[in-house]
Amino acid sequence: QVQLVESGGGLVQPGGSLRLSCAASGSIFSMSTMGWYRQVPGKPRDVVARISRLGTTTYRDSVKGRFTISRDMAKNTVYLQMNSLKPEDTAVYYCNAWILTTNTDYWGQGTQVTVSS
């Protein structure tokens, strides 16, 4: 069974940093484009960053230069390093694995990130 387990969320002051981790079970990690999405109540889930199997990264404009996505193939883990956090980054962050060949999505349970003084 496929599982994505996130960790690393929490409360941080504006300008602070957090690192989110997502550990993937099963054999999907090497086959997947991995991504981080976020959602606030009443709004759709938005992509934050994605990293392909070959390491190509993309970011939403509002986080460019502040967030970095990376993946460790040996640990089946994807990370999101978030620096210079702003109150508008407050959301539930979800890990995603997308397999191109089957067009299948897998989601983690989400982790809350709150940026507040």
PDB file of N, CA and C in Angstrom:
ATOM      1  N   GLN A   1       0.839  -1.183   0.000  1.00  0.00           N
ATOM      2  CA  GLN A   1       0.000   0.000   0.000  1.00  0.00           C
ATOM      3  C   GLN A   1       0.882   1.244   0.000  1.00  0.00           C
ATOM      4  N   VAL A   2       0.478   2.211  -0.789  1.00  0.00           N
ATOM      5  CA  VAL A   2       1.253   3.439  -0.894  1.00  0.00           C
ATOM      6  C   VAL A   2       0.925   4.356   0.271  1.00  0.00           C
ATOM      7  N   GLN A   3       1.951   4.890   0.880  1.00  0.00           N
ATOM      8  CA  GLN A   3       1.765   5.877   1.947  1.00  0.00           C
ATOM      9  C   GLN A   3       2.741   7.021   1.773  1.00  0.00           C
ATOM     10  N   LEU A   4       2.244   8.215   2.014  1.00  0.00           N
ATOM     11  CA  LEU A   4       3.073   9.411   2.063  1.00  0.00           C
ATOM     12  C   LEU A   4       2.894   9.999   3.460  1.00  0.00           C
ATOM     13  N   VAL A   5       3.985  10.122   4.193  1.00  0.00           N
ATOM     14  CA  VAL A   5       3.912  10.588   5.574  1.00  0.00           C
ATOM     15  C   VAL A   5       4.703  11.882   5.697  1.00  0.00           C
ATOM     16  N   GLU A   6       3.981  12.966   5.988  1.00  0.00           N
ATOM     17  CA  GLU A   6       4.601  14.279   6.115  1.00  0.00           C
ATOM     18  C   GLU A   6       4.982  14.555   7.563  1.00  0.00           C
ATOM     19  N   SER A   7       5.967  15.422   7.725  1.00  0.00           N
ATOM     20  CA  SER A   7       6.365  15.903   9.036  1.00  0.00           C
ATOM     21  C   SER A   7       7.045  17.248   8.873  1.00  0.00           C
ATOM     22  N   GLY A   8       7.163  17.975   9.990  1.00  0.00           N
ATOM     23  CA  GLY A   8       7.926  19.213   9.980  1.00  0.00           C
ATOM     24  C   GLY A   8       7.124  20.488  10.050  1.00  0.00           C
ATOM     25  N   GLY A   9       5.804  20.395  10.037  1.00  0.00           N
ATOM     26  CA  GLY A   9       5.003  21.611  10.153  1.00  0.00           C
ATOM     27  C   GLY A   9       5.051  22.174  11.560  1.00  0.00           C
ATOM     28  N   GLY A  10       4.438  23.347  11.729  1.00  0.00           N
ATOM     29  CA  GLY A  10       4.399  23.951  13.048  1.00  0.00           C
ATOM     30  C   GLY A  10       4.159  25.437  12.976  1.00  0.00           C
ATOM     31  N   LEU A  11       4.411  26.091  14.099  1.00  0.00           N
ATOM     32  CA  LEU A  11       4.234  27.539  14.230  1.00  0.00           C
ATOM     33  C   LEU A  11       5.596  28.213  14.143  1.00  0.00           C
ATOM     34  N   VAL A  12       5.691  29.237  13.318  1.00  0.00           N
ATOM     35  CA  VAL A  12       6.949  29.963  13.166  1.00  0.00           C
ATOM     36  C   VAL A  12       6.641  31.448  13.001  1.00  0.00           C
ATOM     37  N   GLN A  13       7.560  32.283  13.431  1.00  0.00           N
ATOM     38  CA  GLN A  13       7.382  33.725  13.284  1.00  0.00           C
ATOM     39  C   GLN A  13       7.691  34.160  11.857  1.00  0.00           C
ATOM     40  N   PRO A  14       7.121  35.275  11.434  1.00  0.00           N
ATOM     41  CA  PRO A  14       7.473  35.801  10.108  1.00  0.00           C
ATOM     42  C   PRO A  14       8.981  35.977   9.972  1.00  0.00           C
ATOM     43  N   GLY A  15       9.494  35.589   8.809  1.00  0.00           N
ATOM     44  CA  GLY A  15      10.926  35.628   8.567  1.00  0.00           C
ATOM     45  C   GLY A  15      11.653  34.362   8.963  1.00  0.00           C
ATOM     46  N   GLY A  16      10.962  33.464   9.631  1.00  0.00           N
ATOM     47  CA  GLY A  16      11.575  32.220  10.073  1.00  0.00           C
ATOM     48  C   GLY A  16      11.607  31.156   8.990  1.00  0.00           C
ATOM     49  N   SER A  17      12.068  29.969   9.400  1.00  0.00           N
ATOM     50  CA  SER A  17      12.230  28.859   8.455  1.00  0.00           C
ATOM     51  C   SER A  17      11.627  27.573   9.023  1.00  0.00           C
ATOM     52  N   LEU A  18      11.211  26.731   8.112  1.00  0.00           N
ATOM     53  CA  LEU A  18      10.768  25.377   8.433  1.00  0.00           C
ATOM     54  C   LEU A  18      11.194  24.457   7.306  1.00  0.00           C
ATOM     55  N   ARG A  19      11.380  23.199   7.635  1.00  0.00           N
ATOM     56  CA  ARG A  19      11.627  22.193   6.603  1.00  0.00           C
ATOM     57  C   ARG A  19      10.590  21.091   6.734  1.00  0.00           C
ATOM     58  N   LEU A  20       9.846  20.883   5.679  1.00  0.00           N
ATOM     59  CA  LEU A  20       8.883  19.796   5.616  1.00  0.00           C
ATOM     60  C   LEU A  20       9.530  18.578   4.980  1.00  0.00           C
ATOM     61  N   SER A  21       9.145  17.406   5.479  1.00  0.00           N
ATOM     62  CA  SER A  21       9.628  16.146   4.923  1.00  0.00           C
ATOM     63  C   SER A  21       8.436  15.275   4.556  1.00  0.00           C
ATOM     64  N   CYS A  22       8.623  14.459   3.532  1.00  0.00           N
ATOM     65  CA  CYS A  22       7.580  13.526   3.112  1.00  0.00           C
ATOM     66  C   CYS A  22       8.265  12.213   2.742  1.00  0.00           C
ATOM     67  N   ALA A  23       7.988  11.199   3.538  1.00  0.00           N
ATOM     68  CA  ALA A  23       8.566   9.880   3.285  1.00  0.00           C
ATOM     69  C   ALA A  23       7.551   9.028   2.538  1.00  0.00           C
ATOM     70  N   ALA A  24       7.988   8.440   1.444  1.00  0.00           N
ATOM     71  CA  ALA A  24       7.107   7.622   0.609  1.00  0.00           C
ATOM     72  C   ALA A  24       7.405   6.143   0.798  1.00  0.00           C
ATOM     73  N   SER A  25       6.377   5.370   0.978  1.00  0.00           N
ATOM     74  CA  SER A  25       6.538   3.925   1.067  1.00  0.00           C
ATOM     75  C   SER A  25       6.255   3.300  -0.293  1.00  0.00           C
ATOM     76  N   GLY A  26       6.545   2.027  -0.376  1.00  0.00           N
ATOM     77  CA  GLY A  26       6.287   1.340  -1.617  1.00  0.00           C
ATOM     78  C   GLY A  26       7.299   1.684  -2.696  1.00  0.00           C
ATOM     79  N   SER A  27       6.965   1.351  -3.890  1.00  0.00           N
ATOM     80  CA  SER A  27       7.906   1.519  -4.989  1.00  0.00           C
ATOM     81  C   SER A  27       7.626   2.757  -5.830  1.00  0.00           C
ATOM     82  N   ILE A  28       6.754   3.653  -5.335  1.00  0.00           N
ATOM     83  CA  ILE A  28       6.324   4.752  -6.201  1.00  0.00           C
ATOM     84  C   ILE A  28       7.334   5.871  -6.309  1.00  0.00           C
ATOM     85  N   PHE A  29       8.198   5.996  -5.308  1.00  0.00           N
ATOM     86  CA  PHE A  29       9.005   7.210  -5.234  1.00  0.00           C
ATOM     87  C   PHE A  29       9.831   7.425  -6.487  1.00  0.00           C
ATOM     88  N   SER A  30      10.514   6.385  -6.933  1.00  0.00           N
ATOM     89  CA  SER A  30      11.403   6.547  -8.089  1.00  0.00           C
ATOM     90  C   SER A  30      10.627   6.778  -9.379  1.00  0.00           C
ATOM     91  N   MET A  31       9.350   6.450  -9.405  1.00  0.00           N
ATOM     92  CA  MET A  31       8.540   6.587 -10.613  1.00  0.00           C
ATOM     93  C   MET A  31       7.774   7.905 -10.659  1.00  0.00           C
ATOM     94  N   SER A  32       7.838   8.674  -9.572  1.00  0.00           N
ATOM     95  CA  SER A  32       6.902   9.783  -9.412  1.00  0.00           C
ATOM     96  C   SER A  32       7.549  11.146  -9.548  1.00  0.00           C
ATOM     97  N   THR A  33       6.750  12.074 -10.083  1.00  0.00           N
ATOM     98  CA  THR A  33       7.018  13.488  -9.846  1.00  0.00           C
ATOM     99  C   THR A  33       6.453  13.787  -8.465  1.00  0.00           C
ATOM    100  N   MET A  34       7.274  14.362  -7.610  1.00  0.00           N
ATOM    101  CA  MET A  34       6.864  14.668  -6.251  1.00  0.00           C
ATOM    102  C   MET A  34       6.551  16.155  -6.135  1.00  0.00           C
ATOM    103  N   GLY A  35       5.584  16.455  -5.303  1.00  0.00           N
ATOM    104  CA  GLY A  35       5.204  17.856  -5.173  1.00  0.00           C
ATOM    105  C   GLY A  35       4.694  18.196  -3.791  1.00  0.00           C
ATOM    106  N   TRP A  36       4.706  19.488  -3.514  1.00  0.00           N
ATOM    107  CA  TRP A  36       4.082  20.038  -2.311  1.00  0.00           C
ATOM    108  C   TRP A  36       2.969  20.988  -2.752  1.00  0.00           C
ATOM    109  N   TYR A  37       1.817  20.838  -2.133  1.00  0.00           N
ATOM    110  CA  TYR A  37       0.670  21.693  -2.367  1.00  0.00           C
ATOM    111  C   TYR A  37       0.261  22.296  -1.027  1.00  0.00           C
ATOM    112  N   ARG A  38      -0.543  23.345  -1.091  1.00  0.00           N
ATOM    113  CA  ARG A  38      -1.058  23.919   0.157  1.00  0.00           C
ATOM    114  C   ARG A  38      -2.490  24.365  -0.037  1.00  0.00           C
ATOM    115  N   GLN A  39      -3.194  24.409   1.089  1.00  0.00           N
ATOM    116  CA  GLN A  39      -4.610  24.753   1.042  1.00  0.00           C
ATOM    117  C   GLN A  39      -4.993  25.514   2.291  1.00  0.00           C
ATOM    118  N   VAL A  40      -5.759  26.585   2.096  1.00  0.00           N
ATOM    119  CA  VAL A  40      -6.365  27.306   3.212  1.00  0.00           C
ATOM    120  C   VAL A  40      -7.868  27.089   3.144  1.00  0.00           C
ATOM    121  N   PRO A  41      -8.557  27.217   4.272  1.00  0.00           N
ATOM    122  CA  PRO A  41     -10.005  26.938   4.277  1.00  0.00           C
ATOM    123  C   PRO A  41     -10.753  27.782   3.254  1.00  0.00           C
ATOM    124  N   GLY A  42     -11.622  27.124   2.519  1.00  0.00           N
ATOM    125  CA  GLY A  42     -12.462  27.819   1.559  1.00  0.00           C
ATOM    126  C   GLY A  42     -11.827  28.081   0.215  1.00  0.00           C
ATOM    127  N   LYS A  43     -10.585  27.627   0.052  1.00  0.00           N
ATOM    128  CA  LYS A  43      -9.897  27.853  -1.221  1.00  0.00           C
ATOM    129  C   LYS A  43      -9.397  26.526  -1.781  1.00  0.00           C
ATOM    130  N   PRO A  44      -9.158  26.467  -3.089  1.00  0.00           N
ATOM    131  CA  PRO A  44      -8.665  25.215  -3.672  1.00  0.00           C
ATOM    132  C   PRO A  44      -7.218  24.943  -3.267  1.00  0.00           C
ATOM    133  N   ARG A  45      -6.829  23.712  -3.419  1.00  0.00           N
ATOM    134  CA  ARG A  45      -5.451  23.316  -3.135  1.00  0.00           C
ATOM    135  C   ARG A  45      -4.559  23.781  -4.280  1.00  0.00           C
ATOM    136  N   ASP A  46      -3.495  24.475  -3.947  1.00  0.00           N
ATOM    137  CA  ASP A  46      -2.592  25.045  -4.951  1.00  0.00           C
ATOM    138  C   ASP A  46      -1.223  24.385  -4.902  1.00  0.00           C
ATOM    139  N   VAL A  47      -0.615  24.237  -6.059  1.00  0.00           N
ATOM    140  CA  VAL A  47       0.734  23.704  -6.109  1.00  0.00           C
ATOM    141  C   VAL A  47       1.714  24.746  -5.567  1.00  0.00           C
ATOM    142  N   VAL A  48       2.676  24.273  -4.793  1.00  0.00           N
ATOM    143  CA  VAL A  48       3.739  25.135  -4.265  1.00  0.00           C
ATOM    144  C   VAL A  48       5.044  24.877  -5.021  1.00  0.00           C
ATOM    145  N   ALA A  49       5.404  23.614  -5.132  1.00  0.00           N
ATOM    146  CA  ALA A  49       6.641  23.236  -5.812  1.00  0.00           C
ATOM    147  C   ALA A  49       6.543  21.784  -6.243  1.00  0.00           C
ATOM    148  N   ARG A  50       7.270  21.462  -7.329  1.00  0.00           N
ATOM    149  CA  ARG A  50       7.298  20.091  -7.817  1.00  0.00           C
ATOM    150  C   ARG A  50       8.727  19.762  -8.241  1.00  0.00           C
ATOM    151  N   ILE A  51       9.051  18.476  -8.171  1.00  0.00           N
ATOM    152  CA  ILE A  51      10.356  18.011  -8.624  1.00  0.00           C
ATOM    153  C   ILE A  51      10.154  16.711  -9.386  1.00  0.00           C
ATOM    154  N   SER A  52      10.698  16.660 -10.590  1.00  0.00           N
ATOM    155  CA  SER A  52      10.522  15.491 -11.438  1.00  0.00           C
ATOM    156  C   SER A  52      11.468  14.366 -11.018  1.00  0.00           C
ATOM    157  N   ARG A  53      11.307  13.228 -11.670  1.00  0.00           N
ATOM    158  CA  ARG A  53      12.187  12.096 -11.394  1.00  0.00           C
ATOM    159  C   ARG A  53      13.638  12.443 -11.719  1.00  0.00           C
ATOM    160  N   LEU A  54      13.829  13.338 -12.662  1.00  0.00           N
ATOM    161  CA  LEU A  54      15.188  13.712 -13.063  1.00  0.00           C
ATOM    162  C   LEU A  54      15.701  14.925 -12.295  1.00  0.00           C
ATOM    163  N   GLY A  55      14.874  15.456 -11.401  1.00  0.00           N
ATOM    164  CA  GLY A  55      15.340  16.558 -10.563  1.00  0.00           C
ATOM    165  C   GLY A  55      14.970  17.946 -11.048  1.00  0.00           C
ATOM    166  N   THR A  56      14.196  18.033 -12.101  1.00  0.00           N
ATOM    167  CA  THR A  56      13.742  19.342 -12.574  1.00  0.00           C
ATOM    168  C   THR A  56      12.716  19.904 -11.598  1.00  0.00           C
ATOM    169  N   THR A  57      12.897  21.167 -11.218  1.00  0.00           N
ATOM    170  CA  THR A  57      12.019  21.780 -10.218  1.00  0.00           C
ATOM    171  C   THR A  57      11.204  22.921 -10.813  1.00  0.00           C
ATOM    172  N   THR A  58      10.014  23.103 -10.273  1.00  0.00           N
ATOM    173  CA  THR A  58       9.175  24.253 -10.610  1.00  0.00           C
ATOM    174  C   THR A  58       8.558  24.779  -9.328  1.00  0.00           C
ATOM    175  N   TYR A  59       8.303  26.084  -9.306  1.00  0.00           N
ATOM    176  CA  TYR A  59       7.765  26.746  -8.118  1.00  0.00           C
ATOM    177  C   TYR A  59       6.663  27.721  -8.509  1.00  0.00           C
ATOM    178  N   ARG A  60       5.721  27.903  -7.596  1.00  0.00           N
ATOM    179  CA  ARG A  60       4.778  28.995  -7.812  1.00  0.00           C
ATOM    180  C   ARG A  60       5.522  30.304  -7.584  1.00  0.00           C
ATOM    181  N   ASP A  61       5.074  31.352  -8.264  1.00  0.00           N
ATOM    182  CA  ASP A  61       5.820  32.612  -8.257  1.00  0.00           C
ATOM    183  C   ASP A  61       6.027  33.161  -6.853  1.00  0.00           C
ATOM    184  N   SER A  62       5.039  33.041  -5.998  1.00  0.00           N
ATOM    185  CA  SER A  62       5.103  33.687  -4.690  1.00  0.00           C
ATOM    186  C   SER A  62       6.127  33.060  -3.748  1.00  0.00           C
ATOM    187  N   VAL A  63       6.651  31.888  -4.089  1.00  0.00           N
ATOM    188  CA  VAL A  63       7.636  31.255  -3.204  1.00  0.00           C
ATOM    189  C   VAL A  63       9.026  31.178  -3.833  1.00  0.00           C
ATOM    190  N   LYS A  64       9.153  31.604  -5.070  1.00  0.00           N
ATOM    191  CA  LYS A  64      10.457  31.544  -5.743  1.00  0.00           C
ATOM    192  C   LYS A  64      11.486  32.355  -4.965  1.00  0.00           C
ATOM    193  N   GLY A  65      12.647  31.760  -4.778  1.00  0.00           N
ATOM    194  CA  GLY A  65      13.713  32.427  -4.045  1.00  0.00           C
ATOM    195  C   GLY A  65      13.627  32.230  -2.544  1.00  0.00           C
ATOM    196  N   ARG A  66      12.517  31.688  -2.056  1.00  0.00           N
ATOM    197  CA  ARG A  66      12.353  31.472  -0.618  1.00  0.00           C
ATOM    198  C   ARG A  66      12.248  29.980  -0.275  1.00  0.00           C
ATOM    199  N   PHE A  67      11.603  29.216  -1.150  1.00  0.00           N
ATOM    200  CA  PHE A  67      11.395  27.786  -0.907  1.00  0.00           C
ATOM    201  C   PHE A  67      12.285  26.975  -1.834  1.00  0.00           C
ATOM    202  N   THR A  68      12.710  25.808  -1.343  1.00  0.00           N
ATOM    203  CA  THR A  68      13.501  24.883  -2.158  1.00  0.00           C
ATOM    204  C   THR A  68      12.978  23.467  -1.971  1.00  0.00           C
ATOM    205  N   ILE A  69      12.653  22.826  -3.077  1.00  0.00           N
ATOM    206  CA  ILE A  69      12.224  21.424  -3.028  1.00  0.00           C
ATOM    207  C   ILE A  69      13.402  20.539  -3.427  1.00  0.00           C
ATOM    208  N   SER A  70      13.531  19.418  -2.753  1.00  0.00           N
ATOM    209  CA  SER A  70      14.601  18.478  -3.074  1.00  0.00           C
ATOM    210  C   SER A  70      14.128  17.067  -2.765  1.00  0.00           C
ATOM    211  N   ARG A  71      14.839  16.095  -3.299  1.00  0.00           N
ATOM    212  CA  ARG A  71      14.456  14.702  -3.044  1.00  0.00           C
ATOM    213  C   ARG A  71      15.702  13.866  -2.808  1.00  0.00           C
ATOM    214  N   ASP A  72      15.574  12.913  -1.903  1.00  0.00           N
ATOM    215  CA  ASP A  72      16.646  11.984  -1.582  1.00  0.00           C
ATOM    216  C   ASP A  72      16.171  10.601  -2.024  1.00  0.00           C
ATOM    217  N   MET A  73      16.737  10.122  -3.137  1.00  0.00           N
ATOM    218  CA  MET A  73      16.274   8.851  -3.699  1.00  0.00           C
ATOM    219  C   MET A  73      16.598   7.683  -2.783  1.00  0.00           C
ATOM    220  N   ALA A  74      17.684   7.793  -2.042  1.00  0.00           N
ATOM    221  CA  ALA A  74      18.069   6.688  -1.148  1.00  0.00           C
ATOM    222  C   ALA A  74      17.116   6.561   0.026  1.00  0.00           C
ATOM    223  N   LYS A  75      16.524   7.694   0.430  1.00  0.00           N
ATOM    224  CA  LYS A  75      15.625   7.687   1.588  1.00  0.00           C
ATOM    225  C   LYS A  75      14.159   7.736   1.184  1.00  0.00           C
ATOM    226  N   ASN A  76      13.877   7.753  -0.124  1.00  0.00           N
ATOM    227  CA  ASN A  76      12.485   7.862  -0.588  1.00  0.00           C
ATOM    228  C   ASN A  76      11.770   9.049   0.055  1.00  0.00           C
ATOM    229  N   THR A  77      12.465  10.158   0.135  1.00  0.00           N
ATOM    230  CA  THR A  77      11.949  11.319   0.853  1.00  0.00           C
ATOM    231  C   THR A  77      12.090  12.577   0.007  1.00  0.00           C
ATOM    232  N   VAL A  78      11.065  13.407   0.067  1.00  0.00           N
ATOM    233  CA  VAL A  78      11.110  14.722  -0.568  1.00  0.00           C
ATOM    234  C   VAL A  78      10.999  15.779   0.529  1.00  0.00           C
ATOM    235  N   TYR A  79      11.701  16.876   0.329  1.00  0.00           N
ATOM    236  CA  TYR A  79      11.764  17.938   1.333  1.00  0.00           C
ATOM    237  C   TYR A  79      11.274  19.253   0.729  1.00  0.00           C
ATOM    238  N   LEU A  80      10.808  20.112   1.592  1.00  0.00           N
ATOM    239  CA  LEU A  80      10.510  21.484   1.211  1.00  0.00           C
ATOM    240  C   LEU A  80      11.134  22.393   2.270  1.00  0.00           C
ATOM    241  N   GLN A  81      12.221  23.034   1.890  1.00  0.00           N
ATOM    242  CA  GLN A  81      12.858  24.008   2.775  1.00  0.00           C
ATOM    243  C   GLN A  81      12.192  25.354   2.546  1.00  0.00           C
ATOM    244  N   MET A  82      11.635  25.914   3.603  1.00  0.00           N
ATOM    245  CA  MET A  82      10.895  27.171   3.508  1.00  0.00           C
ATOM    246  C   MET A  82      11.601  28.229   4.344  1.00  0.00           C
ATOM    247  N   ASN A  83      12.100  29.249   3.691  1.00  0.00           N
ATOM    248  CA  ASN A  83      12.788  30.349   4.355  1.00  0.00           C
ATOM    249  C   ASN A  83      12.007  31.644   4.174  1.00  0.00           C
ATOM    250  N   SER A  84      12.339  32.624   4.986  1.00  0.00           N
ATOM    251  CA  SER A  84      11.692  33.944   4.904  1.00  0.00           C
ATOM    252  C   SER A  84      10.167  33.802   4.858  1.00  0.00           C
ATOM    253  N   LEU A  85       9.666  33.019   5.760  1.00  0.00           N
ATOM    254  CA  LEU A  85       8.223  32.727   5.753  1.00  0.00           C
ATOM    255  C   LEU A  85       7.408  33.979   6.039  1.00  0.00           C
ATOM    256  N   LYS A  86       6.233  34.023   5.396  1.00  0.00           N
ATOM    257  CA  LYS A  86       5.315  35.145   5.528  1.00  0.00           C
ATOM    258  C   LYS A  86       3.974  34.637   6.060  1.00  0.00           C
ATOM    259  N   PRO A  87       3.194  35.519   6.676  1.00  0.00           N
ATOM    260  CA  PRO A  87       1.876  35.082   7.159  1.00  0.00           C
ATOM    261  C   PRO A  87       1.017  34.460   6.060  1.00  0.00           C
ATOM    262  N   GLU A  88       1.161  34.930   4.840  1.00  0.00           N
ATOM    263  CA  GLU A  88       0.364  34.378   3.742  1.00  0.00           C
ATOM    264  C   GLU A  88       0.796  32.971   3.331  1.00  0.00           C
ATOM    265  N   ASP A  89       1.886  32.469   3.901  1.00  0.00           N
ATOM    266  CA  ASP A  89       2.280  31.078   3.670  1.00  0.00           C
ATOM    267  C   ASP A  89       1.529  30.116   4.589  1.00  0.00           C
ATOM    268  N   THR A  90       0.774  30.656   5.520  1.00  0.00           N
ATOM    269  CA  THR A  90       0.004  29.822   6.432  1.00  0.00           C
ATOM    270  C   THR A  90      -1.001  28.967   5.674  1.00  0.00           C
ATOM    271  N   ALA A  91      -0.949  27.661   5.898  1.00  0.00           N
ATOM    272  CA  ALA A  91      -1.826  26.726   5.181  1.00  0.00           C
ATOM    273  C   ALA A  91      -1.554  25.317   5.684  1.00  0.00           C
ATOM    274  N   VAL A  92      -2.380  24.392   5.246  1.00  0.00           N
ATOM    275  CA  VAL A  92      -2.062  22.979   5.381  1.00  0.00           C
ATOM    276  C   VAL A  92      -1.280  22.573   4.139  1.00  0.00           C
ATOM    277  N   TYR A  93      -0.126  21.987   4.353  1.00  0.00           N
ATOM    278  CA  TYR A  93       0.739  21.580   3.248  1.00  0.00           C
ATOM    279  C   TYR A  93       0.607  20.074   3.026  1.00  0.00           C
ATOM    280  N   TYR A  94       0.430  19.710   1.773  1.00  0.00           N
ATOM    281  CA  TYR A  94       0.235  18.312   1.392  1.00  0.00           C
ATOM    282  C   TYR A  94       1.339  17.849   0.462  1.00  0.00           C
ATOM    283  N   CYS A  95       1.807  16.657   0.710  1.00  0.00           N
ATOM    284  CA  CYS A  95       2.757  16.004  -0.172  1.00  0.00           C
ATOM    285  C   CYS A  95       1.989  15.239  -1.253  1.00  0.00           C
ATOM    286  N   ASN A  96       2.515  15.263  -2.458  1.00  0.00           N
ATOM    287  CA  ASN A  96       1.864  14.590  -3.587  1.00  0.00           C
ATOM    288  C   ASN A  96       2.880  13.786  -4.379  1.00  0.00           C
ATOM    289  N   ALA A  97       2.441  12.624  -4.820  1.00  0.00           N
ATOM    290  CA  ALA A  97       3.232  11.815  -5.747  1.00  0.00           C
ATOM    291  C   ALA A  97       2.368  11.554  -6.977  1.00  0.00           C
ATOM    292  N   TRP A  98       2.892  11.894  -8.148  1.00  0.00           N
ATOM    293  CA  TRP A  98       2.144  11.712  -9.395  1.00  0.00           C
ATOM    294  C   TRP A  98       2.942  10.811 -10.316  1.00  0.00           C
ATOM    295  N   ILE A  99       2.274   9.734 -10.739  1.00  0.00           N
ATOM    296  CA  ILE A  99       2.918   8.786 -11.641  1.00  0.00           C
ATOM    297  C   ILE A  99       2.411   9.039 -13.050  1.00  0.00           C
ATOM    298  N   LEU A 100       3.303   9.444 -13.926  1.00  0.00           N
ATOM    299  CA  LEU A 100       2.935   9.829 -15.288  1.00  0.00           C
ATOM    300  C   LEU A 100       2.308   8.672 -16.062  1.00  0.00           C
ATOM    301  N   THR A 101       2.907   7.505 -15.981  1.00  0.00           N
ATOM    302  CA  THR A 101       2.490   6.393 -16.838  1.00  0.00           C
ATOM    303  C   THR A 101       1.068   5.935 -16.549  1.00  0.00           C
ATOM    304  N   THR A 102       0.613   6.117 -15.319  1.00  0.00           N
ATOM    305  CA  THR A 102      -0.747   5.710 -14.965  1.00  0.00           C
ATOM    306  C   THR A 102      -1.645   6.897 -14.635  1.00  0.00           C
ATOM    307  N   ASN A 103      -1.075   8.106 -14.687  1.00  0.00           N
ATOM    308  CA  ASN A 103      -1.801   9.322 -14.313  1.00  0.00           C
ATOM    309  C   ASN A 103      -2.479   9.153 -12.957  1.00  0.00           C
ATOM    310  N   THR A 104      -1.727   8.675 -12.001  1.00  0.00           N
ATOM    311  CA  THR A 104      -2.251   8.401 -10.662  1.00  0.00           C
ATOM    312  C   THR A 104      -1.626   9.349  -9.662  1.00  0.00           C
ATOM    313  N   ASP A 105      -2.469   9.867  -8.788  1.00  0.00           N
ATOM    314  CA  ASP A 105      -2.032  10.758  -7.716  1.00  0.00           C
ATOM    315  C   ASP A 105      -2.145  10.059  -6.367  1.00  0.00           C
ATOM    316  N   TYR A 106      -1.164  10.320  -5.520  1.00  0.00           N
ATOM    317  CA  TYR A 106      -1.212   9.906  -4.124  1.00  0.00           C
ATOM    318  C   TYR A 106      -0.983  11.138  -3.256  1.00  0.00           C
ATOM    319  N   TRP A 107      -1.662  11.162  -2.103  1.00  0.00           N
ATOM    320  CA  TRP A 107      -1.581  12.327  -1.223  1.00  0.00           C
ATOM    321  C   TRP A 107      -1.237  11.919   0.196  1.00  0.00           C
ATOM    322  N   GLY A 108      -0.489  12.794   0.861  1.00  0.00           N
ATOM    323  CA  GLY A 108      -0.272  12.634   2.282  1.00  0.00           C
ATOM    324  C   GLY A 108      -1.435  13.205   3.062  1.00  0.00           C
ATOM    325  N   GLN A 109      -1.332  13.127   4.387  1.00  0.00           N
ATOM    326  CA  GLN A 109      -2.436  13.550   5.252  1.00  0.00           C
ATOM    327  C   GLN A 109      -2.438  15.043   5.513  1.00  0.00           C
ATOM    328  N   GLY A 110      -1.357  15.711   5.190  1.00  0.00           N
ATOM    329  CA  GLY A 110      -1.257  17.152   5.389  1.00  0.00           C
ATOM    330  C   GLY A 110      -0.596  17.512   6.708  1.00  0.00           C
ATOM    331  N   THR A 111       0.113  18.631   6.695  1.00  0.00           N
ATOM    332  CA  THR A 111       0.737  19.147   7.907  1.00  0.00           C
ATOM    333  C   THR A 111       0.527  20.657   7.960  1.00  0.00           C
ATOM    334  N   GLN A 112       0.139  21.147   9.134  1.00  0.00           N
ATOM    335  CA  GLN A 112      -0.201  22.563   9.289  1.00  0.00           C
ATOM    336  C   GLN A 112       1.060  23.399   9.433  1.00  0.00           C
ATOM    337  N   VAL A 113       1.125  24.464   8.663  1.00  0.00           N
ATOM    338  CA  VAL A 113       2.170  25.478   8.805  1.00  0.00           C
ATOM    339  C   VAL A 113       1.486  26.799   9.142  1.00  0.00           C
ATOM    340  N   THR A 114       1.872  27.385  10.253  1.00  0.00           N
ATOM    341  CA  THR A 114       1.302  28.659  10.681  1.00  0.00           C
ATOM    342  C   THR A 114       2.424  29.659  10.871  1.00  0.00           C
ATOM    343  N   VAL A 115       2.317  30.784  10.169  1.00  0.00           N
ATOM    344  CA  VAL A 115       3.313  31.845  10.270  1.00  0.00           C
ATOM    345  C   VAL A 115       2.652  33.035  10.951  1.00  0.00           C
ATOM    346  N   SER A 116       3.071  33.291  12.168  1.00  0.00           N
ATOM    347  CA  SER A 116       2.411  34.328  12.955  1.00  0.00           C
ATOM    348  C   SER A 116       3.335  34.795  14.059  1.00  0.00           C
ATOM    349  N   SER A 117       3.203  36.078  14.395  1.00  0.00           N
ATOM    350  CA  SER A 117       3.967  36.615  15.514  1.00  0.00           C
ATOM    351  C   SER A 117       3.154  36.563  16.801  1.00  0.00           C
TER     352      SER A 117
END
